[in-house]
Amino acid sequence: GPVDWLGDPDVAIFAVVGVHVWATFGMALVVFLAGFATLDSSLLDA
């Protein structure tokens, strides 16, 4: 059945937060990739 994503008080905040996560996770992903550059690959091999 259809969901009133933006009209239901119990659902709307989750919809907005989900959209925000989708729109901004690219910056966090860049930071994680920079962190992976410092990861010791020998640990993964082990």
All heavy atoms as atom14 arrays in JSON, in Angstrom:
{
  "sequence": "GPVDWLGDPDVAIFAVVGVHVWATFGMALVVFLAGFATLDSSLLDA",
  "atom14_mask": [
    [1, 1, 1, 1, 0, 0, 0, 0, 0, 0, 0, 0, 0, 0],
    [1, 1, 1, 1, 1, 1, 1, 0, 0, 0, 0, 0, 0, 0],
    [1, 1, 1, 1, 1, 1, 1, 0, 0, 0, 0, 0, 0, 0],
    [1, 1, 1, 1, 1, 1, 1, 1, 0, 0, 0, 0, 0, 0],
    [1, 1, 1, 1, 1, 1, 1, 1, 1, 1, 1, 1, 1, 1],
    [1, 1, 1, 1, 1, 1, 1, 1, 0, 0, 0, 0, 0, 0],
    [1, 1, 1, 1, 0, 0, 0, 0, 0, 0, 0, 0, 0, 0],
    [1, 1, 1, 1, 1, 1, 1, 1, 0, 0, 0, 0, 0, 0],
    [1, 1, 1, 1, 1, 1, 1, 0, 0, 0, 0, 0, 0, 0],
    [1, 1, 1, 1, 1, 1, 1, 1, 0, 0, 0, 0, 0, 0],
    [1, 1, 1, 1, 1, 1, 1, 0, 0, 0, 0, 0, 0, 0],
    [1, 1, 1, 1, 1, 0, 0, 0, 0, 0, 0, 0, 0, 0],
    [1, 1, 1, 1, 1, 1, 1, 1, 0, 0, 0, 0, 0, 0],
    [1, 1, 1, 1, 1, 1, 1, 1, 1, 1, 1, 0, 0, 0],
    [1, 1, 1, 1, 1, 0, 0, 0, 0, 0, 0, 0, 0, 0],
    [1, 1, 1, 1, 1, 1, 1, 0, 0, 0, 0, 0, 0, 0],
    [1, 1, 1, 1, 1, 1, 1, 0, 0, 0, 0, 0, 0, 0],
    [1, 1, 1, 1, 0, 0, 0, 0, 0, 0, 0, 0, 0, 0],
    [1, 1, 1, 1, 1, 1, 1, 0, 0, 0, 0, 0, 0, 0],
    [1, 1, 1, 1, 1, 1, 1, 1, 1, 1, 0, 0, 0, 0],
    [1, 1, 1, 1, 1, 1, 1, 0, 0, 0, 0, 0, 0, 0],
    [1, 1, 1, 1, 1, 1, 1, 1, 1, 1, 1, 1, 1, 1],
    [1, 1, 1, 1, 1, 0, 0, 0, 0, 0, 0, 0, 0, 0],
    [1, 1, 1, 1, 1, 1, 1, 0, 0, 0, 0, 0, 0, 0],
    [1, 1, 1, 1, 1, 1, 1, 1, 1, 1, 1, 0, 0, 0],
    [1, 1, 1, 1, 0, 0, 0, 0, 0, 0, 0, 0, 0, 0],
    [1, 1, 1, 1, 1, 1, 1, 1, 0, 0, 0, 0, 0, 0],
    [1, 1, 1, 1, 1, 0, 0, 0, 0, 0, 0, 0, 0, 0],
    [1, 1, 1, 1, 1, 1, 1, 1, 0, 0, 0, 0, 0, 0],
    [1, 1, 1, 1, 1, 1, 1, 0, 0, 0, 0, 0, 0, 0],
    [1, 1, 1, 1, 1, 1, 1, 0, 0, 0, 0, 0, 0, 0],
    [1, 1, 1, 1, 1, 1, 1, 1, 1, 1, 1, 0, 0, 0],
    [1, 1, 1, 1, 1, 1, 1, 1, 0, 0, 0, 0, 0, 0],
    [1, 1, 1, 1, 1, 0, 0, 0, 0, 0, 0, 0, 0, 0],
    [1, 1, 1, 1, 0, 0, 0, 0, 0, 0, 0, 0, 0, 0],
    [1, 1, 1, 1, 1, 1, 1, 1, 1, 1, 1, 0, 0, 0],
    [1, 1, 1, 1, 1, 0, 0, 0, 0, 0, 0, 0, 0, 0],
    [1, 1, 1, 1, 1, 1, 1, 0, 0, 0, 0, 0, 0, 0],
    [1, 1, 1, 1, 1, 1, 1, 1, 0, 0, 0, 0, 0, 0],
    [1, 1, 1, 1, 1, 1, 1, 1, 0, 0, 0, 0, 0, 0],
    [1, 1, 1, 1, 1, 1, 0, 0, 0, 0, 0, 0, 0, 0],
    [1, 1, 1, 1, 1, 1, 0, 0, 0, 0, 0, 0, 0, 0],
    [1, 1, 1, 1, 1, 1, 1, 1, 0, 0, 0, 0, 0, 0],
    [1, 1, 1, 1, 1, 1, 1, 1, 0, 0, 0, 0, 0, 0],
    [1, 1, 1, 1, 1, 1, 1, 1, 0, 0, 0, 0, 0, 0],
    [1, 1, 1, 1, 1, 0, 0, 0, 0, 0, 0, 0, 0, 0]
  ],
  "atom14_positions": [
    [[0.81, -1.2, 0.0], [0.0, 0.0, 0.0], [0.85, 1.26, 0.0], [2.01, 1.26, 0.44], [0.0, 0.0, 0.0], [0.0, 0.0, 0.0], [0.0, 0.0, 0.0], [0.0, 0.0, 0.0], [0.0, 0.0, 0.0], [0.0, 0.0, 0.0], [0.0, 0.0, 0.0], [0.0, 0.0, 0.0], [0.0, 0.0, 0.0], [0.0, 0.0, 0.0]],
    [[0.3, 2.38, -0.48], [1.06, 3.63, -0.52], [1.37, 4.14, 0.88], [0.61, 3.93, 1.82], [0.14, 4.59, -1.27], [-1.23, 4.05, -1.05], [-1.07, 2.56, -0.98], [0.0, 0.0, 0.0], [0.0, 0.0, 0.0], [0.0, 0.0, 0.0], [0.0, 0.0, 0.0], [0.0, 0.0, 0.0], [0.0, 0.0, 0.0], [0.0, 0.0, 0.0]],
    [[2.51, 4.81, 1.0], [2.96, 5.39, 2.27], [2.99, 6.9, 2.11], [3.52, 7.42, 1.12], [4.36, 4.86, 2.66], [4.82, 5.51, 3.97], [4.36, 3.35, 2.78], [0.0, 0.0, 0.0], [0.0, 0.0, 0.0], [0.0, 0.0, 0.0], [0.0, 0.0, 0.0], [0.0, 0.0, 0.0], [0.0, 0.0, 0.0], [0.0, 0.0, 0.0]],
    [[2.44, 7.59, 3.06], [2.46, 9.05, 3.03], [3.78, 9.51, 3.64], [3.86, 9.89, 4.8], [1.27, 9.62, 3.81], [1.05, 11.1, 3.5], [1.84, 11.66, 2.72], [0.09, 11.68, 4.04], [0.0, 0.0, 0.0], [0.0, 0.0, 0.0], [0.0, 0.0, 0.0], [0.0, 0.0, 0.0], [0.0, 0.0, 0.0], [0.0, 0.0, 0.0]],
    [[4.83, 9.47, 2.83], [6.18, 9.69, 3.32], [6.35, 11.06, 3.98], [7.04, 11.16, 5.0], [7.18, 9.55, 2.18], [7.18, 8.2, 1.54], [6.59, 7.84, 0.38], [7.82, 7.02, 2.06], [6.8, 6.51, 0.11], [7.56, 5.98, 1.12], [8.57, 6.74, 3.19], [8.03, 4.69, 1.31], [9.05, 5.46, 3.37], [8.78, 4.45, 2.44]],
    [[5.77, 12.08, 3.41], [5.96, 13.44, 3.91], [4.74, 13.99, 4.63], [4.78, 15.13, 5.12], [6.34, 14.37, 2.75], [7.6, 13.98, 1.98], [7.85, 14.97, 0.84], [8.82, 13.91, 2.89], [0.0, 0.0, 0.0], [0.0, 0.0, 0.0], [0.0, 0.0, 0.0], [0.0, 0.0, 0.0], [0.0, 0.0, 0.0], [0.0, 0.0, 0.0]],
    [[3.66, 13.23, 4.7], [2.45, 13.69, 5.36], [2.12, 12.98, 6.64], [1.24, 13.42, 7.39], [0.0, 0.0, 0.0], [0.0, 0.0, 0.0], [0.0, 0.0, 0.0], [0.0, 0.0, 0.0], [0.0, 0.0, 0.0], [0.0, 0.0, 0.0], [0.0, 0.0, 0.0], [0.0, 0.0, 0.0], [0.0, 0.0, 0.0], [0.0, 0.0, 0.0]],
    [[2.83, 11.9, 6.95], [2.59, 11.14, 8.17], [3.58, 11.62, 9.23], [4.8, 11.53, 9.04], [2.78, 9.65, 7.91], [2.36, 8.79, 9.1], [2.26, 9.34, 10.22], [2.15, 7.58, 8.91], [0.0, 0.0, 0.0], [0.0, 0.0, 0.0], [0.0, 0.0, 0.0], [0.0, 0.0, 0.0], [0.0, 0.0, 0.0], [0.0, 0.0, 0.0]],
    [[3.11, 12.15, 10.38], [4.04, 12.65, 11.41], [5.01, 11.59, 11.93], [6.09, 11.94, 12.39], [3.1, 13.12, 12.53], [1.8, 13.38, 11.85], [1.7, 12.37, 10.75], [0.0, 0.0, 0.0], [0.0, 0.0, 0.0], [0.0, 0.0, 0.0], [0.0, 0.0, 0.0], [0.0, 0.0, 0.0], [0.0, 0.0, 0.0], [0.0, 0.0, 0.0]],
    [[4.64, 10.32, 11.83], [5.52, 9.26, 12.33], [6.56, 8.82, 11.3], [7.5, 8.09, 11.65], [4.69, 8.03, 12.74], [3.75, 8.35, 13.9], [4.13, 9.19, 14.74], [2.65, 7.77, 13.94], [0.0, 0.0, 0.0], [0.0, 0.0, 0.0], [0.0, 0.0, 0.0], [0.0, 0.0, 0.0], [0.0, 0.0, 0.0], [0.0, 0.0, 0.0]],
    [[6.42, 9.27, 10.07], [7.3, 8.81, 8.99], [8.14, 9.95, 8.43], [9.27, 9.73, 7.96], [6.47, 8.15, 7.87], [7.36, 7.71, 6.71], [5.68, 6.97, 8.42], [0.0, 0.0, 0.0], [0.0, 0.0, 0.0], [0.0, 0.0, 0.0], [0.0, 0.0, 0.0], [0.0, 0.0, 0.0], [0.0, 0.0, 0.0], [0.0, 0.0, 0.0]],
    [[7.62, 11.17, 8.47], [8.23, 12.27, 7.74], [9.68, 12.53, 8.16], [10.56, 12.74, 7.32], [7.39, 13.54, 7.93], [0.0, 0.0, 0.0], [0.0, 0.0, 0.0], [0.0, 0.0, 0.0], [0.0, 0.0, 0.0], [0.0, 0.0, 0.0], [0.0, 0.0, 0.0], [0.0, 0.0, 0.0], [0.0, 0.0, 0.0], [0.0, 0.0, 0.0]],
    [[9.98, 12.5, 9.47], [11.33, 12.8, 9.92], [12.32, 11.76, 9.42], [13.46, 12.08, 9.05], [11.39, 12.91, 11.47], [12.78, 13.34, 11.92], [10.96, 11.62, 12.11], [13.2, 14.7, 11.44], [0.0, 0.0, 0.0], [0.0, 0.0, 0.0], [0.0, 0.0, 0.0], [0.0, 0.0, 0.0], [0.0, 0.0, 0.0], [0.0, 0.0, 0.0]],
    [[11.88, 10.48, 9.35], [12.76, 9.43, 8.83], [13.03, 9.65, 7.33], [14.15, 9.4, 6.86], [12.15, 8.06, 9.07], [12.08, 7.67, 10.51], [10.91, 7.86, 11.24], [13.17, 7.12, 11.15], [10.84, 7.5, 12.57], [13.11, 6.76, 12.49], [11.95, 6.96, 13.21], [0.0, 0.0, 0.0], [0.0, 0.0, 0.0], [0.0, 0.0, 0.0]],
    [[12.01, 10.1, 6.6], [12.2, 10.38, 5.18], [13.19, 11.51, 4.96], [14.08, 11.42, 4.11], [10.84, 10.7, 4.54], [0.0, 0.0, 0.0], [0.0, 0.0, 0.0], [0.0, 0.0, 0.0], [0.0, 0.0, 0.0], [0.0, 0.0, 0.0], [0.0, 0.0, 0.0], [0.0, 0.0, 0.0], [0.0, 0.0, 0.0], [0.0, 0.0, 0.0]],
    [[13.06, 12.57, 5.74], [13.96, 13.71, 5.58], [15.39, 13.31, 5.94], [16.35, 13.67, 5.24], [13.48, 14.9, 6.44], [14.48, 16.04, 6.37], [12.11, 15.37, 5.96], [0.0, 0.0, 0.0], [0.0, 0.0, 0.0], [0.0, 0.0, 0.0], [0.0, 0.0, 0.0], [0.0, 0.0, 0.0], [0.0, 0.0, 0.0], [0.0, 0.0, 0.0]],
    [[15.56, 12.58, 7.04], [16.9, 12.15, 7.44], [17.51, 11.22, 6.4], [18.7, 11.32, 6.08], [16.86, 11.46, 8.82], [18.22, 10.86, 9.17], [16.45, 12.46, 9.89], [0.0, 0.0, 0.0], [0.0, 0.0, 0.0], [0.0, 0.0, 0.0], [0.0, 0.0, 0.0], [0.0, 0.0, 0.0], [0.0, 0.0, 0.0], [0.0, 0.0, 0.0]],
    [[16.71, 10.32, 5.84], [17.21, 9.44, 4.8], [17.69, 10.2, 3.58], [18.74, 9.87, 3.0], [0.0, 0.0, 0.0], [0.0, 0.0, 0.0], [0.0, 0.0, 0.0], [0.0, 0.0, 0.0], [0.0, 0.0, 0.0], [0.0, 0.0, 0.0], [0.0, 0.0, 0.0], [0.0, 0.0, 0.0], [0.0, 0.0, 0.0], [0.0, 0.0, 0.0]],
    [[16.94, 11.21, 3.18], [17.36, 12.04, 2.04], [18.65, 12.77, 2.36], [19.56, 12.88, 1.52], [16.24, 13.03, 1.66], [16.73, 14.0, 0.59], [15.01, 12.28, 1.16], [0.0, 0.0, 0.0], [0.0, 0.0, 0.0], [0.0, 0.0, 0.0], [0.0, 0.0, 0.0], [0.0, 0.0, 0.0], [0.0, 0.0, 0.0], [0.0, 0.0, 0.0]],
    [[18.77, 13.27, 3.59], [20.0, 13.97, 3.98], [21.21, 13.04, 3.94], [22.28, 13.43, 3.45], [19.83, 14.55, 5.38], [21.09, 15.15, 5.93], [21.54, 16.41, 5.54], [22.0, 14.67, 6.82], [22.67, 16.68, 6.18], [22.97, 15.64, 6.95], [0.0, 0.0, 0.0], [0.0, 0.0, 0.0], [0.0, 0.0, 0.0], [0.0, 0.0, 0.0]],
    [[21.04, 11.81, 4.42], [22.15, 10.85, 4.38], [22.56, 10.56, 2.95], [23.75, 10.51, 2.61], [21.75, 9.56, 5.12], [22.81, 8.48, 4.93], [21.56, 9.85, 6.61], [0.0, 0.0, 0.0], [0.0, 0.0, 0.0], [0.0, 0.0, 0.0], [0.0, 0.0, 0.0], [0.0, 0.0, 0.0], [0.0, 0.0, 0.0], [0.0, 0.0, 0.0]],
    [[21.57, 10.37, 2.08], [21.88, 10.12, 0.67], [22.62, 11.29, 0.05], [23.55, 11.1, -0.76], [20.58, 9.86, -0.11], [20.8, 9.67, -1.58], [21.12, 8.52, -2.23], [20.73, 10.69, -2.59], [21.25, 8.75, -3.58], [21.02, 10.08, -3.83], [20.45, 12.06, -2.57], [21.03, 10.78, -5.02], [20.46, 12.76, -3.77], [20.75, 12.13, -4.97]],
    [[22.25, 12.5, 0.4], [22.82, 13.69, -0.24], [24.2, 14.04, 0.27], [24.94, 14.76, -0.4], [21.88, 14.88, -0.04], [0.0, 0.0, 0.0], [0.0, 0.0, 0.0], [0.0, 0.0, 0.0], [0.0, 0.0, 0.0], [0.0, 0.0, 0.0], [0.0, 0.0, 0.0], [0.0, 0.0, 0.0], [0.0, 0.0, 0.0], [0.0, 0.0, 0.0]],
    [[24.58, 13.54, 1.45], [25.84, 14.01, 2.06], [26.85, 12.91, 2.32], [27.97, 13.23, 2.74], [25.54, 14.71, 3.4], [24.87, 13.8, 4.28], [24.67, 15.94, 3.19], [0.0, 0.0, 0.0], [0.0, 0.0, 0.0], [0.0, 0.0, 0.0], [0.0, 0.0, 0.0], [0.0, 0.0, 0.0], [0.0, 0.0, 0.0], [0.0, 0.0, 0.0]],
    [[26.51, 11.63, 2.09], [27.45, 10.59, 2.46], [28.7, 10.6, 1.59], [29.71, 9.99, 1.95], [26.79, 9.21, 2.4], [26.62, 8.65, 1.02], [27.61, 7.88, 0.45], [25.47, 8.89, 0.29], [27.45, 7.36, -0.83], [25.3, 8.38, -0.97], [26.32, 7.61, -1.54], [0.0, 0.0, 0.0], [0.0, 0.0, 0.0], [0.0, 0.0, 0.0]],
    [[28.68, 11.29, 0.44], [29.86, 11.34, -0.43], [31.06, 11.95, 0.26], [32.2, 11.49, 0.09], [0.0, 0.0, 0.0], [0.0, 0.0, 0.0], [0.0, 0.0, 0.0], [0.0, 0.0, 0.0], [0.0, 0.0, 0.0], [0.0, 0.0, 0.0], [0.0, 0.0, 0.0], [0.0, 0.0, 0.0], [0.0, 0.0, 0.0], [0.0, 0.0, 0.0]],
    [[30.85, 13.0, 1.07], [31.97, 13.62, 1.78], [32.57, 12.66, 2.79], [33.79, 12.54, 2.91], [31.49, 14.89, 2.48], [31.04, 15.99, 1.54], [32.38, 16.59, 0.47], [33.51, 17.22, 1.69], [0.0, 0.0, 0.0], [0.0, 0.0, 0.0], [0.0, 0.0, 0.0], [0.0, 0.0, 0.0], [0.0, 0.0, 0.0], [0.0, 0.0, 0.0]],
    [[31.71, 11.96, 3.54], [32.23, 10.99, 4.52], [32.96, 9.86, 3.82], [33.97, 9.35, 4.33], [31.07, 10.45, 5.36], [0.0, 0.0, 0.0], [0.0, 0.0, 0.0], [0.0, 0.0, 0.0], [0.0, 0.0, 0.0], [0.0, 0.0, 0.0], [0.0, 0.0, 0.0], [0.0, 0.0, 0.0], [0.0, 0.0, 0.0], [0.0, 0.0, 0.0]],
    [[32.47, 9.47, 2.65], [33.12, 8.39, 1.92], [34.52, 8.79, 1.48], [35.46, 7.98, 1.52], [32.26, 8.01, 0.72], [32.57, 6.66, 0.04], [31.29, 6.05, -0.51], [33.55, 6.85, -1.1], [0.0, 0.0, 0.0], [0.0, 0.0, 0.0], [0.0, 0.0, 0.0], [0.0, 0.0, 0.0], [0.0, 0.0, 0.0], [0.0, 0.0, 0.0]],
    [[34.69, 10.05, 1.07], [36.02, 10.55, 0.7], [36.97, 10.47, 1.89], [38.14, 10.08, 1.77], [35.92, 11.98, 0.17], [37.31, 12.6, 0.01], [35.19, 12.01, -1.17], [0.0, 0.0, 0.0], [0.0, 0.0, 0.0], [0.0, 0.0, 0.0], [0.0, 0.0, 0.0], [0.0, 0.0, 0.0], [0.0, 0.0, 0.0], [0.0, 0.0, 0.0]],
    [[36.47, 10.85, 3.07], [37.3, 10.79, 4.28], [37.69, 9.34, 4.59], [38.84, 9.04, 4.94], [36.56, 11.42, 5.47], [37.37, 11.27, 6.75], [36.29, 12.89, 5.2], [0.0, 0.0, 0.0], [0.0, 0.0, 0.0], [0.0, 0.0, 0.0], [0.0, 0.0, 0.0], [0.0, 0.0, 0.0], [0.0, 0.0, 0.0], [0.0, 0.0, 0.0]],
    [[36.75, 8.42, 4.45], [37.06, 7.01, 4.69], [38.1, 6.49, 3.7], [39.01, 5.75, 4.08], [35.79, 6.17, 4.61], [35.03, 6.08, 5.89], [33.74, 6.58, 5.99], [35.6, 5.5, 7.01], [33.04, 6.51, 7.18], [34.9, 5.42, 8.21], [33.62, 5.93, 8.29], [0.0, 0.0, 0.0], [0.0, 0.0, 0.0], [0.0, 0.0, 0.0]],
    [[37.98, 6.87, 2.44], [38.96, 6.44, 1.45], [40.35, 6.99, 1.78], [41.36, 6.31, 1.58], [38.53, 6.87, 0.05], [37.32, 6.15, -0.55], [36.98, 6.72, -1.91], [37.59, 4.65, -0.66], [0.0, 0.0, 0.0], [0.0, 0.0, 0.0], [0.0, 0.0, 0.0], [0.0, 0.0, 0.0], [0.0, 0.0, 0.0], [0.0, 0.0, 0.0]],
    [[40.41, 8.22, 2.28], [41.69, 8.77, 2.71], [42.24, 7.98, 3.89], [43.46, 7.76, 3.99], [41.52, 10.25, 3.09], [0.0, 0.0, 0.0], [0.0, 0.0, 0.0], [0.0, 0.0, 0.0], [0.0, 0.0, 0.0], [0.0, 0.0, 0.0], [0.0, 0.0, 0.0], [0.0, 0.0, 0.0], [0.0, 0.0, 0.0], [0.0, 0.0, 0.0]],
    [[41.36, 7.55, 4.79], [41.81, 6.72, 5.9], [42.33, 5.37, 5.44], [43.31, 4.84, 5.98], [0.0, 0.0, 0.0], [0.0, 0.0, 0.0], [0.0, 0.0, 0.0], [0.0, 0.0, 0.0], [0.0, 0.0, 0.0], [0.0, 0.0, 0.0], [0.0, 0.0, 0.0], [0.0, 0.0, 0.0], [0.0, 0.0, 0.0], [0.0, 0.0, 0.0]],
    [[41.68, 4.79, 4.43], [42.14, 3.51, 3.9], [43.54, 3.62, 3.29], [44.27, 2.62, 3.23], [41.16, 2.98, 2.84], [40.02, 2.21, 3.43], [38.72, 2.71, 3.4], [40.23, 0.98, 4.02], [37.67, 2.0, 3.94], [39.18, 0.25, 4.56], [37.89, 0.76, 4.52], [0.0, 0.0, 0.0], [0.0, 0.0, 0.0], [0.0, 0.0, 0.0]],
    [[43.91, 4.81, 2.82], [45.25, 4.99, 2.25], [46.34, 4.77, 3.29], [47.49, 4.48, 2.94], [45.37, 6.39, 1.63], [0.0, 0.0, 0.0], [0.0, 0.0, 0.0], [0.0, 0.0, 0.0], [0.0, 0.0, 0.0], [0.0, 0.0, 0.0], [0.0, 0.0, 0.0], [0.0, 0.0, 0.0], [0.0, 0.0, 0.0], [0.0, 0.0, 0.0]],
    [[46.0, 4.93, 4.57], [46.97, 4.73, 5.65], [46.9, 3.33, 6.24], [47.65, 3.01, 7.16], [46.75, 5.76, 6.77], [45.46, 5.54, 7.38], [46.78, 7.17, 6.22], [0.0, 0.0, 0.0], [0.0, 0.0, 0.0], [0.0, 0.0, 0.0], [0.0, 0.0, 0.0], [0.0, 0.0, 0.0], [0.0, 0.0, 0.0], [0.0, 0.0, 0.0]],
    [[46.01, 2.49, 5.75], [45.81, 1.15, 6.29], [46.95, 0.23, 5.85], [47.34, 0.23, 4.68], [44.47, 0.59, 5.84], [44.06, -0.78, 6.38], [43.9, -0.72, 7.89], [42.76, -1.24, 5.73], [0.0, 0.0, 0.0], [0.0, 0.0, 0.0], [0.0, 0.0, 0.0], [0.0, 0.0, 0.0], [0.0, 0.0, 0.0], [0.0, 0.0, 0.0]],
    [[47.47, -0.54, 6.77], [48.54, -1.49, 6.47], [47.95, -2.69, 5.73], [47.18, -3.47, 6.29], [49.21, -1.93, 7.77], [50.46, -2.77, 7.53], [50.78, -3.02, 6.35], [51.11, -3.18, 8.52], [0.0, 0.0, 0.0], [0.0, 0.0, 0.0], [0.0, 0.0, 0.0], [0.0, 0.0, 0.0], [0.0, 0.0, 0.0], [0.0, 0.0, 0.0]],
    [[48.31, -2.81, 4.47], [47.74, -3.89, 3.65], [48.17, -5.27, 4.13], [47.48, -6.26, 3.85], [48.14, -3.71, 2.18], [49.56, -3.72, 2.05], [0.0, 0.0, 0.0], [0.0, 0.0, 0.0], [0.0, 0.0, 0.0], [0.0, 0.0, 0.0], [0.0, 0.0, 0.0], [0.0, 0.0, 0.0], [0.0, 0.0, 0.0], [0.0, 0.0, 0.0]],
    [[49.27, -5.35, 4.86], [49.71, -6.65, 5.36], [48.71, -7.24, 6.35], [48.59, -8.46, 6.48], [51.09, -6.54, 6.01], [51.05, -5.69, 7.14], [0.0, 0.0, 0.0], [0.0, 0.0, 0.0], [0.0, 0.0, 0.0], [0.0, 0.0, 0.0], [0.0, 0.0, 0.0], [0.0, 0.0, 0.0], [0.0, 0.0, 0.0], [0.0, 0.0, 0.0]],
    [[47.98, -6.37, 7.05], [46.95, -6.86, 7.98], [45.83, -7.55, 7.22], [45.32, -8.59, 7.65], [46.4, -5.7, 8.81], [47.4, -4.98, 9.73], [46.74, -3.8, 10.41], [47.96, -5.95, 10.75], [0.0, 0.0, 0.0], [0.0, 0.0, 0.0], [0.0, 0.0, 0.0], [0.0, 0.0, 0.0], [0.0, 0.0, 0.0], [0.0, 0.0, 0.0]],
    [[45.44, -6.97, 6.09], [44.4, -7.6, 5.28], [44.88, -8.92, 4.68], [44.13, -9.9, 4.6], [43.96, -6.65, 4.16], [43.32, -5.33, 4.62], [43.01, -4.46, 3.42], [42.05, -5.6, 5.41], [0.0, 0.0, 0.0], [0.0, 0.0, 0.0], [0.0, 0.0, 0.0], [0.0, 0.0, 0.0], [0.0, 0.0, 0.0], [0.0, 0.0, 0.0]],
    [[46.16, -8.95, 4.28], [46.72, -10.19, 3.74], [46.75, -11.27, 4.82], [46.43, -12.44, 4.54], [48.13, -9.94, 3.21], [48.14, -8.98, 2.03], [47.09, -8.88, 1.36], [49.17, -8.33, 1.8], [0.0, 0.0, 0.0], [0.0, 0.0, 0.0], [0.0, 0.0, 0.0], [0.0, 0.0, 0.0], [0.0, 0.0, 0.0], [0.0, 0.0, 0.0]],
    [[47.1, -10.88, 6.04], [47.13, -11.87, 7.12], [45.72, -12.39, 7.43], [45.53, -13.58, 7.69], [47.74, -11.23, 8.37], [0.0, 0.0, 0.0], [0.0, 0.0, 0.0], [0.0, 0.0, 0.0], [0.0, 0.0, 0.0], [0.0, 0.0, 0.0], [0.0, 0.0, 0.0], [0.0, 0.0, 0.0], [0.0, 0.0, 0.0], [0.0, 0.0, 0.0]]
  ]
}
